[in-house]
Amino acid sequence: FTGSCDSDLLKFNQLKFRKKKLKFCKSHIHDWGLFAMEPIAADEMVIE
């Protein structure tokens, strides 16, 4: 469907249908951070 539909809109609908598994906890960069709880491929919507 990507060729005939808006790719960003399609991915956004997918993100709403199944959100990525993420968690926030202490970060070595600064205070709190967000971490992936599942593998995430390149060029995917992670979170809004």
All heavy atoms as atom14 arrays in JSON, in Angstrom:
{
  "sequence": "FTGSCDSDLLKFNQLKFRKKKLKFCKSHIHDWGLFAMEPIAADEMVIE",
  "atom14_mask": [
    [1, 1, 1, 1, 1, 1, 1, 1, 1, 1, 1, 0, 0, 0],
    [1, 1, 1, 1, 1, 1, 1, 0, 0, 0, 0, 0, 0, 0],
    [1, 1, 1, 1, 0, 0, 0, 0, 0, 0, 0, 0, 0, 0],
    [1, 1, 1, 1, 1, 1, 0, 0, 0, 0, 0, 0, 0, 0],
    [1, 1, 1, 1, 1, 1, 0, 0, 0, 0, 0, 0, 0, 0],
    [1, 1, 1, 1, 1, 1, 1, 1, 0, 0, 0, 0, 0, 0],
    [1, 1, 1, 1, 1, 1, 0, 0, 0, 0, 0, 0, 0, 0],
    [1, 1, 1, 1, 1, 1, 1, 1, 0, 0, 0, 0, 0, 0],
    [1, 1, 1, 1, 1, 1, 1, 1, 0, 0, 0, 0, 0, 0],
    [1, 1, 1, 1, 1, 1, 1, 1, 0, 0, 0, 0, 0, 0],
    [1, 1, 1, 1, 1, 1, 1, 1, 1, 0, 0, 0, 0, 0],
    [1, 1, 1, 1, 1, 1, 1, 1, 1, 1, 1, 0, 0, 0],
    [1, 1, 1, 1, 1, 1, 1, 1, 0, 0, 0, 0, 0, 0],
    [1, 1, 1, 1, 1, 1, 1, 1, 1, 0, 0, 0, 0, 0],
    [1, 1, 1, 1, 1, 1, 1, 1, 0, 0, 0, 0, 0, 0],
    [1, 1, 1, 1, 1, 1, 1, 1, 1, 0, 0, 0, 0, 0],
    [1, 1, 1, 1, 1, 1, 1, 1, 1, 1, 1, 0, 0, 0],
    [1, 1, 1, 1, 1, 1, 1, 1, 1, 1, 1, 0, 0, 0],
    [1, 1, 1, 1, 1, 1, 1, 1, 1, 0, 0, 0, 0, 0],
    [1, 1, 1, 1, 1, 1, 1, 1, 1, 0, 0, 0, 0, 0],
    [1, 1, 1, 1, 1, 1, 1, 1, 1, 0, 0, 0, 0, 0],
    [1, 1, 1, 1, 1, 1, 1, 1, 0, 0, 0, 0, 0, 0],
    [1, 1, 1, 1, 1, 1, 1, 1, 1, 0, 0, 0, 0, 0],
    [1, 1, 1, 1, 1, 1, 1, 1, 1, 1, 1, 0, 0, 0],
    [1, 1, 1, 1, 1, 1, 0, 0, 0, 0, 0, 0, 0, 0],
    [1, 1, 1, 1, 1, 1, 1, 1, 1, 0, 0, 0, 0, 0],
    [1, 1, 1, 1, 1, 1, 0, 0, 0, 0, 0, 0, 0, 0],
    [1, 1, 1, 1, 1, 1, 1, 1, 1, 1, 0, 0, 0, 0],
    [1, 1, 1, 1, 1, 1, 1, 1, 0, 0, 0, 0, 0, 0],
    [1, 1, 1, 1, 1, 1, 1, 1, 1, 1, 0, 0, 0, 0],
    [1, 1, 1, 1, 1, 1, 1, 1, 0, 0, 0, 0, 0, 0],
    [1, 1, 1, 1, 1, 1, 1, 1, 1, 1, 1, 1, 1, 1],
    [1, 1, 1, 1, 0, 0, 0, 0, 0, 0, 0, 0, 0, 0],
    [1, 1, 1, 1, 1, 1, 1, 1, 0, 0, 0, 0, 0, 0],
    [1, 1, 1, 1, 1, 1, 1, 1, 1, 1, 1, 0, 0, 0],
    [1, 1, 1, 1, 1, 0, 0, 0, 0, 0, 0, 0, 0, 0],
    [1, 1, 1, 1, 1, 1, 1, 1, 0, 0, 0, 0, 0, 0],
    [1, 1, 1, 1, 1, 1, 1, 1, 1, 0, 0, 0, 0, 0],
    [1, 1, 1, 1, 1, 1, 1, 0, 0, 0, 0, 0, 0, 0],
    [1, 1, 1, 1, 1, 1, 1, 1, 0, 0, 0, 0, 0, 0],
    [1, 1, 1, 1, 1, 0, 0, 0, 0, 0, 0, 0, 0, 0],
    [1, 1, 1, 1, 1, 0, 0, 0, 0, 0, 0, 0, 0, 0],
    [1, 1, 1, 1, 1, 1, 1, 1, 0, 0, 0, 0, 0, 0],
    [1, 1, 1, 1, 1, 1, 1, 1, 1, 0, 0, 0, 0, 0],
    [1, 1, 1, 1, 1, 1, 1, 1, 0, 0, 0, 0, 0, 0],
    [1, 1, 1, 1, 1, 1, 1, 0, 0, 0, 0, 0, 0, 0],
    [1, 1, 1, 1, 1, 1, 1, 1, 0, 0, 0, 0, 0, 0],
    [1, 1, 1, 1, 1, 1, 1, 1, 1, 0, 0, 0, 0, 0]
  ],
  "atom14_positions": [
    [[0.82, -1.21, 0.0], [0.0, 0.0, 0.0], [0.85, 1.26, 0.0], [0.36, 2.34, -0.3], [-0.91, 0.04, 1.24], [-1.92, -1.07, 1.27], [-2.37, -1.58, 2.48], [-2.41, -1.61, 0.1], [-3.29, -2.6, 2.52], [-3.33, -2.63, 0.12], [-3.77, -3.14, 1.33], [0.0, 0.0, 0.0], [0.0, 0.0, 0.0], [0.0, 0.0, 0.0]],
    [[2.12, 1.13, 0.36], [2.97, 2.3, 0.54], [3.07, 3.14, -0.72], [3.14, 4.36, -0.68], [4.38, 1.87, 0.99], [4.25, 1.03, 2.14], [5.22, 3.08, 1.34], [0.0, 0.0, 0.0], [0.0, 0.0, 0.0], [0.0, 0.0, 0.0], [0.0, 0.0, 0.0], [0.0, 0.0, 0.0], [0.0, 0.0, 0.0], [0.0, 0.0, 0.0]],
    [[3.06, 2.47, -1.87], [3.19, 3.19, -3.13], [2.01, 4.07, -3.42], [2.14, 5.13, -4.04], [0.0, 0.0, 0.0], [0.0, 0.0, 0.0], [0.0, 0.0, 0.0], [0.0, 0.0, 0.0], [0.0, 0.0, 0.0], [0.0, 0.0, 0.0], [0.0, 0.0, 0.0], [0.0, 0.0, 0.0], [0.0, 0.0, 0.0], [0.0, 0.0, 0.0]],
    [[0.81, 3.67, -2.98], [-0.4, 4.42, -3.29], [-0.87, 5.27, -2.13], [-1.74, 6.12, -2.3], [-1.53, 3.46, -3.7], [-1.77, 2.54, -2.67], [0.0, 0.0, 0.0], [0.0, 0.0, 0.0], [0.0, 0.0, 0.0], [0.0, 0.0, 0.0], [0.0, 0.0, 0.0], [0.0, 0.0, 0.0], [0.0, 0.0, 0.0], [0.0, 0.0, 0.0]],
    [[-0.34, 5.06, -0.91], [-0.76, 5.82, 0.25], [0.4, 6.65, 0.78], [1.55, 6.45, 0.41], [-1.27, 4.88, 1.35], [-2.66, 3.85, 0.84], [0.0, 0.0, 0.0], [0.0, 0.0, 0.0], [0.0, 0.0, 0.0], [0.0, 0.0, 0.0], [0.0, 0.0, 0.0], [0.0, 0.0, 0.0], [0.0, 0.0, 0.0], [0.0, 0.0, 0.0]],
    [[0.09, 7.58, 1.66], [1.12, 8.36, 2.32], [1.88, 7.47, 3.29], [1.31, 6.91, 4.22], [0.47, 9.53, 3.07], [1.49, 10.42, 3.73], [2.69, 10.2, 3.52], [1.08, 11.35, 4.44], [0.0, 0.0, 0.0], [0.0, 0.0, 0.0], [0.0, 0.0, 0.0], [0.0, 0.0, 0.0], [0.0, 0.0, 0.0], [0.0, 0.0, 0.0]],
    [[3.19, 7.33, 3.08], [3.99, 6.41, 3.89], [3.98, 6.81, 5.35], [3.86, 5.96, 6.24], [5.43, 6.38, 3.37], [6.24, 5.54, 4.15], [0.0, 0.0, 0.0], [0.0, 0.0, 0.0], [0.0, 0.0, 0.0], [0.0, 0.0, 0.0], [0.0, 0.0, 0.0], [0.0, 0.0, 0.0], [0.0, 0.0, 0.0], [0.0, 0.0, 0.0]],
    [[4.11, 8.11, 5.66], [4.11, 8.57, 7.04], [2.78, 8.28, 7.73], [2.75, 7.86, 8.88], [4.41, 10.07, 7.11], [5.87, 10.38, 6.8], [6.71, 9.5, 7.06], [6.15, 11.47, 6.29], [0.0, 0.0, 0.0], [0.0, 0.0, 0.0], [0.0, 0.0, 0.0], [0.0, 0.0, 0.0], [0.0, 0.0, 0.0], [0.0, 0.0, 0.0]],
    [[1.69, 8.51, 7.01], [0.37, 8.26, 7.59], [0.17, 6.78, 7.86], [-0.38, 6.38, 8.9], [-0.72, 8.77, 6.64], [-2.17, 8.59, 7.11], [-2.4, 9.29, 8.44], [-3.14, 9.11, 6.06], [0.0, 0.0, 0.0], [0.0, 0.0, 0.0], [0.0, 0.0, 0.0], [0.0, 0.0, 0.0], [0.0, 0.0, 0.0], [0.0, 0.0, 0.0]],
    [[0.64, 5.95, 6.94], [0.52, 4.5, 7.11], [1.31, 4.06, 8.34], [0.82, 3.28, 9.16], [1.02, 3.79, 5.86], [0.93, 2.26, 5.86], [-0.5, 1.8, 5.96], [1.59, 1.69, 4.62], [0.0, 0.0, 0.0], [0.0, 0.0, 0.0], [0.0, 0.0, 0.0], [0.0, 0.0, 0.0], [0.0, 0.0, 0.0], [0.0, 0.0, 0.0]],
    [[2.53, 4.54, 8.47], [3.36, 4.17, 9.62], [2.75, 4.69, 10.92], [2.82, 4.02, 11.96], [4.77, 4.72, 9.45], [5.59, 4.03, 8.37], [6.97, 4.65, 8.26], [7.8, 3.96, 7.2], [9.14, 4.56, 7.06], [0.0, 0.0, 0.0], [0.0, 0.0, 0.0], [0.0, 0.0, 0.0], [0.0, 0.0, 0.0], [0.0, 0.0, 0.0]],
    [[2.15, 5.89, 10.88], [1.55, 6.46, 12.08], [0.37, 5.61, 12.54], [0.19, 5.37, 13.74], [1.1, 7.9, 11.81], [0.59, 8.6, 13.03], [1.48, 9.1, 13.98], [-0.77, 8.77, 13.23], [1.01, 9.75, 15.11], [-1.24, 9.42, 14.36], [-0.35, 9.92, 15.3], [0.0, 0.0, 0.0], [0.0, 0.0, 0.0], [0.0, 0.0, 0.0]],
    [[-0.43, 5.13, 11.59], [-1.55, 4.25, 11.93], [-1.06, 2.94, 12.53], [-1.66, 2.39, 13.45], [-2.42, 3.99, 10.7], [-3.19, 5.21, 10.27], [-3.5, 6.08, 11.09], [-3.51, 5.31, 8.99], [0.0, 0.0, 0.0], [0.0, 0.0, 0.0], [0.0, 0.0, 0.0], [0.0, 0.0, 0.0], [0.0, 0.0, 0.0], [0.0, 0.0, 0.0]],
    [[0.05, 2.43, 11.99], [0.64, 1.21, 12.53], [1.13, 1.44, 13.95], [0.98, 0.59, 14.82], [1.8, 0.74, 11.65], [1.38, 0.15, 10.31], [2.59, -0.28, 9.49], [3.08, 0.47, 8.67], [3.07, -1.47, 9.73], [0.0, 0.0, 0.0], [0.0, 0.0, 0.0], [0.0, 0.0, 0.0], [0.0, 0.0, 0.0], [0.0, 0.0, 0.0]],
    [[1.73, 2.62, 14.19], [2.25, 2.94, 15.51], [1.11, 3.03, 16.53], [1.25, 2.6, 17.67], [3.02, 4.26, 15.46], [3.65, 4.73, 16.78], [4.74, 3.75, 17.23], [4.24, 6.12, 16.64], [0.0, 0.0, 0.0], [0.0, 0.0, 0.0], [0.0, 0.0, 0.0], [0.0, 0.0, 0.0], [0.0, 0.0, 0.0], [0.0, 0.0, 0.0]],
    [[-0.03, 3.58, 16.12], [-1.19, 3.66, 17.02], [-1.77, 2.28, 17.29], [-2.25, 2.0, 18.38], [-2.25, 4.57, 16.41], [-1.88, 6.04, 16.39], [-2.98, 6.88, 15.79], [-4.23, 6.87, 16.65], [-5.29, 7.74, 16.13], [0.0, 0.0, 0.0], [0.0, 0.0, 0.0], [0.0, 0.0, 0.0], [0.0, 0.0, 0.0], [0.0, 0.0, 0.0]],
    [[-1.72, 1.42, 16.25], [-2.28, 0.07, 16.41], [-1.42, -0.76, 17.35], [-1.94, -1.48, 18.2], [-2.37, -0.6, 15.04], [-2.91, -2.0, 15.09], [-4.26, -2.22, 15.34], [-2.08, -3.08, 14.9], [-4.76, -3.51, 15.4], [-2.57, -4.36, 14.94], [-3.92, -4.58, 15.19], [0.0, 0.0, 0.0], [0.0, 0.0, 0.0], [0.0, 0.0, 0.0]],
    [[-0.1, -0.68, 17.2], [0.78, -1.43, 18.1], [1.97, -0.56, 18.48], [2.88, -0.35, 17.69], [1.28, -2.73, 17.46], [1.87, -3.7, 18.49], [2.7, -4.77, 17.83], [4.01, -4.31, 17.41], [5.06, -4.19, 18.22], [4.94, -4.47, 19.5], [6.22, -3.77, 17.77], [0.0, 0.0, 0.0], [0.0, 0.0, 0.0], [0.0, 0.0, 0.0]],
    [[1.93, -0.03, 19.69], [2.99, 0.85, 20.14], [4.26, 0.05, 20.43], [4.21, -1.1, 20.83], [2.55, 1.6, 21.41], [1.38, 2.55, 21.16], [0.99, 3.27, 22.43], [-0.17, 4.23, 22.16], [-0.58, 4.95, 23.39], [0.0, 0.0, 0.0], [0.0, 0.0, 0.0], [0.0, 0.0, 0.0], [0.0, 0.0, 0.0], [0.0, 0.0, 0.0]],
    [[5.39, 0.71, 20.22], [6.67, 0.08, 20.52], [6.8, -0.11, 22.04], [6.33, 0.71, 22.83], [7.81, 0.96, 20.0], [7.88, 1.07, 18.49], [8.36, -0.22, 17.85], [8.63, -0.05, 16.37], [7.44, 0.32, 15.6], [0.0, 0.0, 0.0], [0.0, 0.0, 0.0], [0.0, 0.0, 0.0], [0.0, 0.0, 0.0], [0.0, 0.0, 0.0]],
    [[7.47, -1.19, 22.41], [7.7, -1.46, 23.83], [8.91, -0.66, 24.3], [10.04, -0.93, 23.9], [7.92, -2.95, 24.05], [6.7, -3.81, 23.76], [6.98, -5.27, 23.98], [5.75, -6.12, 23.66], [6.02, -7.57, 23.84], [0.0, 0.0, 0.0], [0.0, 0.0, 0.0], [0.0, 0.0, 0.0], [0.0, 0.0, 0.0], [0.0, 0.0, 0.0]],
    [[8.64, 0.34, 25.13], [9.68, 1.23, 25.62], [9.57, 1.37, 27.14], [8.53, 1.1, 27.72], [9.55, 2.61, 24.97], [9.48, 2.66, 23.43], [9.06, 4.04, 22.97], [10.82, 2.27, 22.82], [0.0, 0.0, 0.0], [0.0, 0.0, 0.0], [0.0, 0.0, 0.0], [0.0, 0.0, 0.0], [0.0, 0.0, 0.0], [0.0, 0.0, 0.0]],
    [[10.66, 1.8, 27.77], [10.65, 2.05, 29.21], [11.55, 3.23, 29.52], [12.49, 3.52, 28.78], [11.13, 0.81, 29.98], [12.59, 0.45, 29.73], [13.02, -0.74, 30.57], [14.49, -1.11, 30.29], [14.93, -2.26, 31.09], [0.0, 0.0, 0.0], [0.0, 0.0, 0.0], [0.0, 0.0, 0.0], [0.0, 0.0, 0.0], [0.0, 0.0, 0.0]],
    [[11.24, 3.95, 30.59], [12.12, 5.03, 31.01], [12.79, 4.64, 32.33], [12.16, 4.05, 33.21], [11.36, 6.36, 31.13], [10.44, 6.44, 32.33], [10.88, 7.02, 33.51], [9.16, 5.96, 32.27], [10.05, 7.1, 34.61], [8.31, 6.03, 33.36], [8.75, 6.61, 34.54], [0.0, 0.0, 0.0], [0.0, 0.0, 0.0], [0.0, 0.0, 0.0]],
    [[14.07, 4.91, 32.4], [14.83, 4.63, 33.62], [16.05, 5.54, 33.63], [16.25, 6.36, 32.73], [15.22, 3.16, 33.71], [16.1, 2.53, 32.28], [0.0, 0.0, 0.0], [0.0, 0.0, 0.0], [0.0, 0.0, 0.0], [0.0, 0.0, 0.0], [0.0, 0.0, 0.0], [0.0, 0.0, 0.0], [0.0, 0.0, 0.0], [0.0, 0.0, 0.0]],
    [[16.87, 5.41, 34.66], [18.03, 6.28, 34.82], [18.98, 6.16, 33.62], [19.24, 5.07, 33.12], [18.78, 5.92, 36.11], [18.1, 6.43, 37.37], [18.15, 7.96, 37.43], [17.54, 8.46, 38.73], [17.62, 9.95, 38.82], [0.0, 0.0, 0.0], [0.0, 0.0, 0.0], [0.0, 0.0, 0.0], [0.0, 0.0, 0.0], [0.0, 0.0, 0.0]],
    [[19.48, 7.32, 33.17], [20.35, 7.36, 32.0], [21.74, 7.85, 32.38], [21.9, 8.68, 33.28], [19.74, 8.3, 30.95], [20.67, 8.59, 29.93], [0.0, 0.0, 0.0], [0.0, 0.0, 0.0], [0.0, 0.0, 0.0], [0.0, 0.0, 0.0], [0.0, 0.0, 0.0], [0.0, 0.0, 0.0], [0.0, 0.0, 0.0], [0.0, 0.0, 0.0]],
    [[22.76, 7.33, 31.68], [24.13, 7.79, 31.91], [24.38, 9.14, 31.25], [25.37, 9.81, 31.53], [25.13, 6.76, 31.37], [25.17, 6.7, 29.87], [24.25, 5.98, 29.14], [26.02, 7.28, 28.98], [24.53, 6.11, 27.86], [25.59, 6.89, 27.73], [0.0, 0.0, 0.0], [0.0, 0.0, 0.0], [0.0, 0.0, 0.0], [0.0, 0.0, 0.0]],
    [[23.45, 9.55, 30.36], [23.59, 10.85, 29.7], [23.12, 11.97, 30.62], [23.86, 12.89, 30.94], [22.81, 10.88, 28.36], [23.37, 9.85, 27.38], [22.86, 12.28, 27.74], [22.61, 9.76, 26.07], [0.0, 0.0, 0.0], [0.0, 0.0, 0.0], [0.0, 0.0, 0.0], [0.0, 0.0, 0.0], [0.0, 0.0, 0.0], [0.0, 0.0, 0.0]],
    [[21.86, 11.87, 31.04], [21.31, 12.91, 31.92], [20.02, 12.41, 32.56], [19.06, 12.08, 31.85], [21.04, 14.2, 31.12], [20.33, 15.26, 31.92], [20.94, 15.94, 32.94], [19.06, 15.73, 31.85], [20.07, 16.8, 33.47], [18.93, 16.69, 32.81], [0.0, 0.0, 0.0], [0.0, 0.0, 0.0], [0.0, 0.0, 0.0], [0.0, 0.0, 0.0]],
    [[20.02, 12.35, 33.87], [18.82, 12.07, 34.65], [18.08, 10.83, 34.12], [18.59, 9.73, 34.15], [17.91, 13.3, 34.65], [17.0, 13.33, 35.88], [17.2, 12.49, 36.77], [16.11, 14.19, 35.94], [0.0, 0.0, 0.0], [0.0, 0.0, 0.0], [0.0, 0.0, 0.0], [0.0, 0.0, 0.0], [0.0, 0.0, 0.0], [0.0, 0.0, 0.0]],
    [[16.85, 11.04, 33.6], [16.06, 9.93, 33.06], [16.24, 9.83, 31.54], [16.52, 10.82, 30.88], [14.57, 10.12, 33.37], [14.26, 10.1, 34.83], [14.14, 11.18, 35.65], [14.07, 8.95, 35.65], [13.87, 10.78, 36.93], [13.82, 9.42, 36.97], [14.07, 7.57, 35.41], [13.58, 8.56, 38.03], [13.83, 6.72, 36.47], [13.6, 7.2, 37.76]],
    [[16.03, 8.62, 31.02], [16.12, 8.39, 29.58], [15.1, 7.35, 29.15], [14.49, 6.67, 29.97], [0.0, 0.0, 0.0], [0.0, 0.0, 0.0], [0.0, 0.0, 0.0], [0.0, 0.0, 0.0], [0.0, 0.0, 0.0], [0.0, 0.0, 0.0], [0.0, 0.0, 0.0], [0.0, 0.0, 0.0], [0.0, 0.0, 0.0], [0.0, 0.0, 0.0]],
    [[14.91, 7.24, 27.84], [13.97, 6.28, 27.27], [14.76, 5.16, 26.6], [15.69, 5.42, 25.84], [13.05, 6.98, 26.26], [11.86, 6.16, 25.76], [10.88, 5.88, 26.89], [11.14, 6.89, 24.63], [0.0, 0.0, 0.0], [0.0, 0.0, 0.0], [0.0, 0.0, 0.0], [0.0, 0.0, 0.0], [0.0, 0.0, 0.0], [0.0, 0.0, 0.0]],
    [[14.36, 3.91, 26.88], [15.1, 2.76, 26.39], [14.17, 1.8, 25.64], [12.98, 1.69, 25.98], [15.78, 2.02, 27.55], [16.85, 2.82, 28.23], [16.52, 3.79, 29.18], [18.19, 2.62, 27.93], [17.49, 4.53, 29.81], [19.18, 3.36, 28.56], [18.83, 4.32, 29.51], [0.0, 0.0, 0.0], [0.0, 0.0, 0.0], [0.0, 0.0, 0.0]],
    [[14.73, 1.11, 24.65], [13.95, 0.15, 23.86], [13.85, -1.17, 24.61], [14.84, -1.67, 25.15], [14.61, -0.06, 22.5], [0.0, 0.0, 0.0], [0.0, 0.0, 0.0], [0.0, 0.0, 0.0], [0.0, 0.0, 0.0], [0.0, 0.0, 0.0], [0.0, 0.0, 0.0], [0.0, 0.0, 0.0], [0.0, 0.0, 0.0], [0.0, 0.0, 0.0]],
    [[12.66, -1.75, 24.62], [12.44, -3.06, 25.22], [12.25, -4.14, 24.16], [11.96, -5.28, 24.48], [11.23, -3.03, 26.16], [11.41, -2.17, 27.39], [9.96, -2.21, 28.47], [9.96, -3.94, 28.96], [0.0, 0.0, 0.0], [0.0, 0.0, 0.0], [0.0, 0.0, 0.0], [0.0, 0.0, 0.0], [0.0, 0.0, 0.0], [0.0, 0.0, 0.0]],
    [[12.4, -3.75, 22.9], [12.3, -4.68, 21.78], [13.2, -4.16, 20.65], [13.48, -2.96, 20.59], [10.86, -4.8, 21.29], [10.3, -3.51, 20.71], [8.92, -3.71, 20.11], [8.75, -4.63, 19.3], [8.01, -2.93, 20.46], [0.0, 0.0, 0.0], [0.0, 0.0, 0.0], [0.0, 0.0, 0.0], [0.0, 0.0, 0.0], [0.0, 0.0, 0.0]],
    [[13.67, -5.03, 19.76], [14.48, -4.55, 18.64], [13.64, -3.64, 17.73], [12.48, -3.93, 17.46], [14.88, -5.84, 17.92], [14.64, -6.95, 18.89], [13.53, -6.5, 19.77], [0.0, 0.0, 0.0], [0.0, 0.0, 0.0], [0.0, 0.0, 0.0], [0.0, 0.0, 0.0], [0.0, 0.0, 0.0], [0.0, 0.0, 0.0], [0.0, 0.0, 0.0]],
    [[14.23, -2.57, 17.28], [13.55, -1.62, 16.41], [14.37, -1.48, 15.13], [15.57, -1.17, 15.19], [13.38, -0.25, 17.09], [12.55, -0.39, 18.37], [12.7, 0.75, 16.14], [12.45, 0.89, 19.18], [0.0, 0.0, 0.0], [0.0, 0.0, 0.0], [0.0, 0.0, 0.0], [0.0, 0.0, 0.0], [0.0, 0.0, 0.0], [0.0, 0.0, 0.0]],
    [[13.74, -1.73, 13.99], [14.44, -1.64, 12.71], [14.65, -0.18, 12.32], [14.04, 0.74, 12.89], [13.65, -2.37, 11.64], [0.0, 0.0, 0.0], [0.0, 0.0, 0.0], [0.0, 0.0, 0.0], [0.0, 0.0, 0.0], [0.0, 0.0, 0.0], [0.0, 0.0, 0.0], [0.0, 0.0, 0.0], [0.0, 0.0, 0.0], [0.0, 0.0, 0.0]],
    [[15.5, 0.05, 11.33], [15.75, 1.4, 10.86], [14.53, 1.97, 10.14], [13.75, 1.22, 9.55], [16.96, 1.41, 9.92], [0.0, 0.0, 0.0], [0.0, 0.0, 0.0], [0.0, 0.0, 0.0], [0.0, 0.0, 0.0], [0.0, 0.0, 0.0], [0.0, 0.0, 0.0], [0.0, 0.0, 0.0], [0.0, 0.0, 0.0], [0.0, 0.0, 0.0]],
    [[14.37, 3.29, 10.22], [13.29, 4.02, 9.53], [11.91, 3.58, 10.01], [10.99, 3.45, 9.21], [13.42, 3.85, 8.01], [12.6, 4.9, 7.27], [12.48, 6.02, 7.78], [12.05, 4.57, 6.2], [0.0, 0.0, 0.0], [0.0, 0.0, 0.0], [0.0, 0.0, 0.0], [0.0, 0.0, 0.0], [0.0, 0.0, 0.0], [0.0, 0.0, 0.0]],
    [[11.76, 3.35, 11.29], [10.46, 3.05, 11.88], [10.06, 4.17, 12.83], [10.91, 4.82, 13.43], [10.5, 1.72, 12.65], [10.45, 0.49, 11.76], [10.15, -0.76, 12.56], [9.78, -0.64, 13.75], [10.3, -1.86, 12.01], [0.0, 0.0, 0.0], [0.0, 0.0, 0.0], [0.0, 0.0, 0.0], [0.0, 0.0, 0.0], [0.0, 0.0, 0.0]],
    [[8.75, 4.37, 12.97], [8.27, 5.31, 13.96], [8.43, 4.68, 15.35], [7.96, 3.57, 15.58], [6.8, 5.66, 13.72], [6.59, 6.61, 12.57], [4.86, 7.13, 12.47], [4.94, 8.26, 11.09], [0.0, 0.0, 0.0], [0.0, 0.0, 0.0], [0.0, 0.0, 0.0], [0.0, 0.0, 0.0], [0.0, 0.0, 0.0], [0.0, 0.0, 0.0]],
    [[9.07, 5.4, 16.24], [9.33, 4.87, 17.58], [8.25, 5.33, 18.56], [7.66, 4.53, 19.27], [10.72, 5.3, 18.07], [10.99, 4.76, 19.48], [11.79, 4.8, 17.11], [0.0, 0.0, 0.0], [0.0, 0.0, 0.0], [0.0, 0.0, 0.0], [0.0, 0.0, 0.0], [0.0, 0.0, 0.0], [0.0, 0.0, 0.0], [0.0, 0.0, 0.0]],
    [[7.98, 6.62, 18.57], [7.0, 7.17, 19.5], [6.61, 8.57, 19.04], [7.41, 9.27, 18.41], [7.57, 7.21, 20.94], [6.47, 7.56, 21.95], [8.74, 8.16, 21.04], [6.93, 7.41, 23.41], [0.0, 0.0, 0.0], [0.0, 0.0, 0.0], [0.0, 0.0, 0.0], [0.0, 0.0, 0.0], [0.0, 0.0, 0.0], [0.0, 0.0, 0.0]],
    [[5.4, 8.97, 19.35], [4.95, 10.34, 19.07], [5.24, 11.22, 20.28], [5.1, 10.8, 21.43], [3.44, 10.36, 18.77], [2.91, 11.76, 18.48], [1.39, 11.82, 18.43], [0.74, 10.77, 18.59], [0.85, 12.93, 18.27], [0.0, 0.0, 0.0], [0.0, 0.0, 0.0], [0.0, 0.0, 0.0], [0.0, 0.0, 0.0], [0.0, 0.0, 0.0]]
  ]
}
